[in-house]
Amino acid sequence: MTARLQRWWRAFARLFVVKTKFEAFMLIYAIATGAVERGMTYLHRFPGTPGWMMFGACTIVVFMAGGKIIDGVDREANG
């Protein structure tokens, strides 16, 4: 029973491994879409400068995470 569960868990976990740049870009797009939606919520909740600062923070995080994701895919591809 334990061996079967471990095999199932490995197969399940393999679904969430980003292997190609296309997959990385699709993941970054999904993160960016969520970040912009969150930023729009901040703009409505905190009008003015605080809302724009939070919106900017949400989008900057996408750039940081996207760079790490692409670097990870490149690192795996090169060695």
N, C-alpha and C. Protein backbone atom coordinates (compact mmCIF):
# COMPACT_ATOMS: atom_id res chain seq x y z
N MET A 1 0.82 -1.19 0.00
CA MET A 1 0.00 0.00 0.00
C MET A 1 0.86 1.26 0.00
N THR A 2 1.91 1.27 0.78
CA THR A 2 2.77 2.45 0.87
C THR A 2 3.50 2.69 -0.45
N ALA A 3 3.99 1.63 -1.08
CA ALA A 3 4.70 1.78 -2.35
C ALA A 3 3.77 2.34 -3.43
N ARG A 4 2.54 1.87 -3.44
CA ARG A 4 1.58 2.36 -4.43
C ARG A 4 1.28 3.84 -4.19
N LEU A 5 1.14 4.21 -2.94
CA LEU A 5 0.88 5.61 -2.60
C LEU A 5 2.06 6.50 -2.99
N GLN A 6 3.27 6.02 -2.78
CA GLN A 6 4.46 6.79 -3.17
C GLN A 6 4.52 6.97 -4.68
N ARG A 7 4.23 5.92 -5.44
CA ARG A 7 4.22 6.03 -6.90
C ARG A 7 3.16 7.02 -7.36
N TRP A 8 1.98 6.94 -6.75
CA TRP A 8 0.91 7.86 -7.11
C TRP A 8 1.31 9.30 -6.79
N TRP A 9 1.92 9.49 -5.64
CA TRP A 9 2.34 10.84 -5.23
C TRP A 9 3.39 11.40 -6.18
N ARG A 10 4.37 10.57 -6.60
CA ARG A 10 5.39 11.02 -7.55
C ARG A 10 4.76 11.41 -8.89
N ALA A 11 3.82 10.59 -9.37
CA ALA A 11 3.15 10.90 -10.63
C ALA A 11 2.34 12.19 -10.52
N PHE A 12 1.70 12.39 -9.39
CA PHE A 12 0.93 13.61 -9.16
C PHE A 12 1.85 14.83 -9.09
N ALA A 13 2.96 14.71 -8.38
CA ALA A 13 3.89 15.84 -8.23
C ALA A 13 4.54 16.21 -9.55
N ARG A 14 4.74 15.24 -10.43
CA ARG A 14 5.35 15.50 -11.73
C ARG A 14 4.50 16.43 -12.59
N LEU A 15 3.21 16.49 -12.34
CA LEU A 15 2.33 17.38 -13.10
C LEU A 15 2.66 18.85 -12.86
N PHE A 16 3.28 19.16 -11.72
CA PHE A 16 3.54 20.54 -11.34
C PHE A 16 4.98 20.97 -11.56
N VAL A 17 5.74 20.23 -12.35
CA VAL A 17 7.12 20.57 -12.64
C VAL A 17 7.14 21.36 -13.95
N VAL A 18 7.73 22.54 -13.92
CA VAL A 18 7.84 23.38 -15.11
C VAL A 18 9.11 22.96 -15.85
N LYS A 19 8.95 22.43 -17.07
CA LYS A 19 10.08 21.88 -17.80
C LYS A 19 10.53 22.73 -18.98
N THR A 20 9.61 23.44 -19.61
CA THR A 20 9.95 24.20 -20.81
C THR A 20 9.68 25.69 -20.58
N LYS A 21 10.27 26.50 -21.47
CA LYS A 21 10.05 27.94 -21.37
C LYS A 21 8.59 28.29 -21.65
N PHE A 22 7.95 27.54 -22.54
CA PHE A 22 6.54 27.79 -22.82
C PHE A 22 5.71 27.63 -21.55
N GLU A 23 5.95 26.55 -20.81
CA GLU A 23 5.24 26.35 -19.55
C GLU A 23 5.55 27.47 -18.56
N ALA A 24 6.81 27.92 -18.55
CA ALA A 24 7.20 29.01 -17.65
C ALA A 24 6.45 30.30 -18.01
N PHE A 25 6.37 30.59 -19.31
CA PHE A 25 5.68 31.81 -19.73
C PHE A 25 4.18 31.73 -19.43
N MET A 26 3.60 30.56 -19.58
CA MET A 26 2.18 30.40 -19.25
C MET A 26 1.95 30.59 -17.74
N LEU A 27 2.87 30.09 -16.94
CA LEU A 27 2.77 30.26 -15.49
C LEU A 27 2.92 31.74 -15.12
N ILE A 28 3.87 32.42 -15.74
CA ILE A 28 4.08 33.84 -15.47
C ILE A 28 2.85 34.65 -15.89
N TYR A 29 2.25 34.28 -17.01
CA TYR A 29 1.03 34.97 -17.45
C TYR A 29 -0.09 34.81 -16.42
N ALA A 30 -0.23 33.60 -15.90
CA ALA A 30 -1.27 33.36 -14.89
C ALA A 30 -0.99 34.17 -13.63
N ILE A 31 0.26 34.22 -13.21
CA ILE A 31 0.62 35.01 -12.03
C ILE A 31 0.34 36.50 -12.29
N ALA A 32 0.69 36.98 -13.49
CA ALA A 32 0.47 38.38 -13.82
C ALA A 32 -1.01 38.74 -13.85
N THR A 33 -1.82 37.84 -14.39
CA THR A 33 -3.26 38.10 -14.42
C THR A 33 -3.82 38.23 -13.00
N GLY A 34 -3.39 37.35 -12.12
CA GLY A 34 -3.83 37.43 -10.73
C GLY A 34 -3.32 38.68 -10.04
N ALA A 35 -2.09 39.07 -10.35
CA ALA A 35 -1.51 40.26 -9.72
C ALA A 35 -2.23 41.52 -10.15
N VAL A 36 -2.58 41.62 -11.42
CA VAL A 36 -3.30 42.80 -11.89
C VAL A 36 -4.70 42.84 -11.27
N GLU A 37 -5.33 41.69 -11.16
CA GLU A 37 -6.65 41.66 -10.51
C GLU A 37 -6.54 42.10 -9.05
N ARG A 38 -5.52 41.62 -8.36
CA ARG A 38 -5.30 42.04 -6.97
C ARG A 38 -5.01 43.53 -6.91
N GLY A 39 -4.20 44.03 -7.85
CA GLY A 39 -3.89 45.45 -7.89
C GLY A 39 -5.12 46.31 -8.11
N MET A 40 -6.02 45.85 -8.98
CA MET A 40 -7.26 46.59 -9.21
C MET A 40 -8.11 46.63 -7.94
N THR A 41 -8.10 45.54 -7.20
CA THR A 41 -8.82 45.52 -5.92
C THR A 41 -8.23 46.55 -4.96
N TYR A 42 -6.89 46.63 -4.93
CA TYR A 42 -6.25 47.63 -4.07
C TYR A 42 -6.61 49.05 -4.51
N LEU A 43 -6.68 49.29 -5.83
CA LEU A 43 -7.04 50.62 -6.30
C LEU A 43 -8.44 51.02 -5.86
N HIS A 44 -9.36 50.08 -5.86
CA HIS A 44 -10.72 50.39 -5.42
C HIS A 44 -10.81 50.53 -3.91
N ARG A 45 -10.03 49.74 -3.22
CA ARG A 45 -10.10 49.75 -1.75
C ARG A 45 -9.34 50.93 -1.14
N PHE A 46 -8.19 51.26 -1.74
CA PHE A 46 -7.37 52.37 -1.25
C PHE A 46 -7.19 53.39 -2.37
N PRO A 47 -8.11 54.32 -2.56
CA PRO A 47 -7.99 55.28 -3.66
C PRO A 47 -6.78 56.20 -3.48
N GLY A 48 -6.25 56.62 -4.60
CA GLY A 48 -5.14 57.56 -4.57
C GLY A 48 -3.79 56.87 -4.57
N THR A 49 -2.82 57.55 -3.99
CA THR A 49 -1.44 57.08 -4.00
C THR A 49 -1.25 55.72 -3.32
N PRO A 50 -1.85 55.45 -2.17
CA PRO A 50 -1.64 54.13 -1.55
C PRO A 50 -2.09 52.98 -2.45
N GLY A 51 -3.20 53.17 -3.15
CA GLY A 51 -3.68 52.13 -4.06
C GLY A 51 -2.72 51.90 -5.21
N TRP A 52 -2.21 52.99 -5.77
CA TRP A 52 -1.25 52.86 -6.88
C TRP A 52 0.06 52.22 -6.41
N MET A 53 0.47 52.53 -5.19
CA MET A 53 1.69 51.91 -4.66
C MET A 53 1.51 50.40 -4.50
N MET A 54 0.35 50.00 -3.99
CA MET A 54 0.07 48.56 -3.84
C MET A 54 -0.05 47.89 -5.20
N PHE A 55 -0.67 48.57 -6.16
CA PHE A 55 -0.77 48.04 -7.52
C PHE A 55 0.62 47.83 -8.10
N GLY A 56 1.49 48.82 -7.92
CA GLY A 56 2.86 48.70 -8.41
C GLY A 56 3.62 47.57 -7.74
N ALA A 57 3.40 47.40 -6.45
CA ALA A 57 4.07 46.30 -5.73
C ALA A 57 3.62 44.95 -6.27
N CYS A 58 2.33 44.83 -6.58
CA CYS A 58 1.82 43.56 -7.12
C CYS A 58 2.48 43.23 -8.46
N THR A 59 2.63 44.25 -9.32
CA THR A 59 3.22 43.97 -10.63
C THR A 59 4.73 43.76 -10.55
N ILE A 60 5.40 44.43 -9.65
CA ILE A 60 6.85 44.22 -9.50
C ILE A 60 7.15 42.80 -9.04
N VAL A 61 6.30 42.26 -8.19
CA VAL A 61 6.49 40.88 -7.72
C VAL A 61 6.45 39.91 -8.89
N VAL A 62 5.61 40.19 -9.89
CA VAL A 62 5.54 39.31 -11.07
C VAL A 62 6.87 39.31 -11.81
N PHE A 63 7.49 40.48 -11.96
CA PHE A 63 8.78 40.54 -12.63
C PHE A 63 9.84 39.74 -11.86
N MET A 64 9.83 39.87 -10.55
CA MET A 64 10.81 39.15 -9.74
C MET A 64 10.59 37.64 -9.82
N ALA A 65 9.34 37.21 -9.67
CA ALA A 65 9.04 35.78 -9.73
C ALA A 65 9.28 35.23 -11.13
N GLY A 66 8.90 35.99 -12.14
CA GLY A 66 9.11 35.54 -13.52
C GLY A 66 10.57 35.34 -13.85
N GLY A 67 11.41 36.24 -13.39
CA GLY A 67 12.84 36.08 -13.61
C GLY A 67 13.38 34.82 -12.95
N LYS A 68 12.94 34.55 -11.74
CA LYS A 68 13.38 33.34 -11.03
C LYS A 68 12.89 32.09 -11.75
N ILE A 69 11.66 32.10 -12.22
CA ILE A 69 11.12 30.93 -12.91
C ILE A 69 11.89 30.65 -14.19
N ILE A 70 12.13 31.69 -14.99
CA ILE A 70 12.86 31.50 -16.24
C ILE A 70 14.30 31.08 -15.97
N ASP A 71 14.94 31.67 -14.97
CA ASP A 71 16.30 31.24 -14.61
C ASP A 71 16.33 29.78 -14.20
N GLY A 72 15.33 29.34 -13.47
CA GLY A 72 15.27 27.94 -13.05
C GLY A 72 15.12 27.00 -14.23
N VAL A 73 14.30 27.38 -15.21
CA VAL A 73 14.12 26.54 -16.40
C VAL A 73 15.42 26.51 -17.20
N ASP A 74 16.07 27.68 -17.36
CA ASP A 74 17.34 27.73 -18.09
C ASP A 74 18.41 26.90 -17.39
N ARG A 75 18.47 26.98 -16.08
CA ARG A 75 19.47 26.25 -15.31
C ARG A 75 19.27 24.74 -15.48
N GLU A 76 18.02 24.29 -15.45
CA GLU A 76 17.74 22.86 -15.62
C GLU A 76 18.08 22.41 -17.04
N ALA A 77 17.84 23.27 -18.03
CA ALA A 77 18.12 22.90 -19.42
C ALA A 77 19.62 22.84 -19.69
N ASN A 78 20.39 23.70 -19.04
CA ASN A 78 21.83 23.77 -19.30
C ASN A 78 22.64 22.84 -18.42
N GLY A 79 22.04 22.30 -17.43
CA GLY A 79 22.88 21.39 -16.74
C GLY A 79 22.74 21.10 -15.35
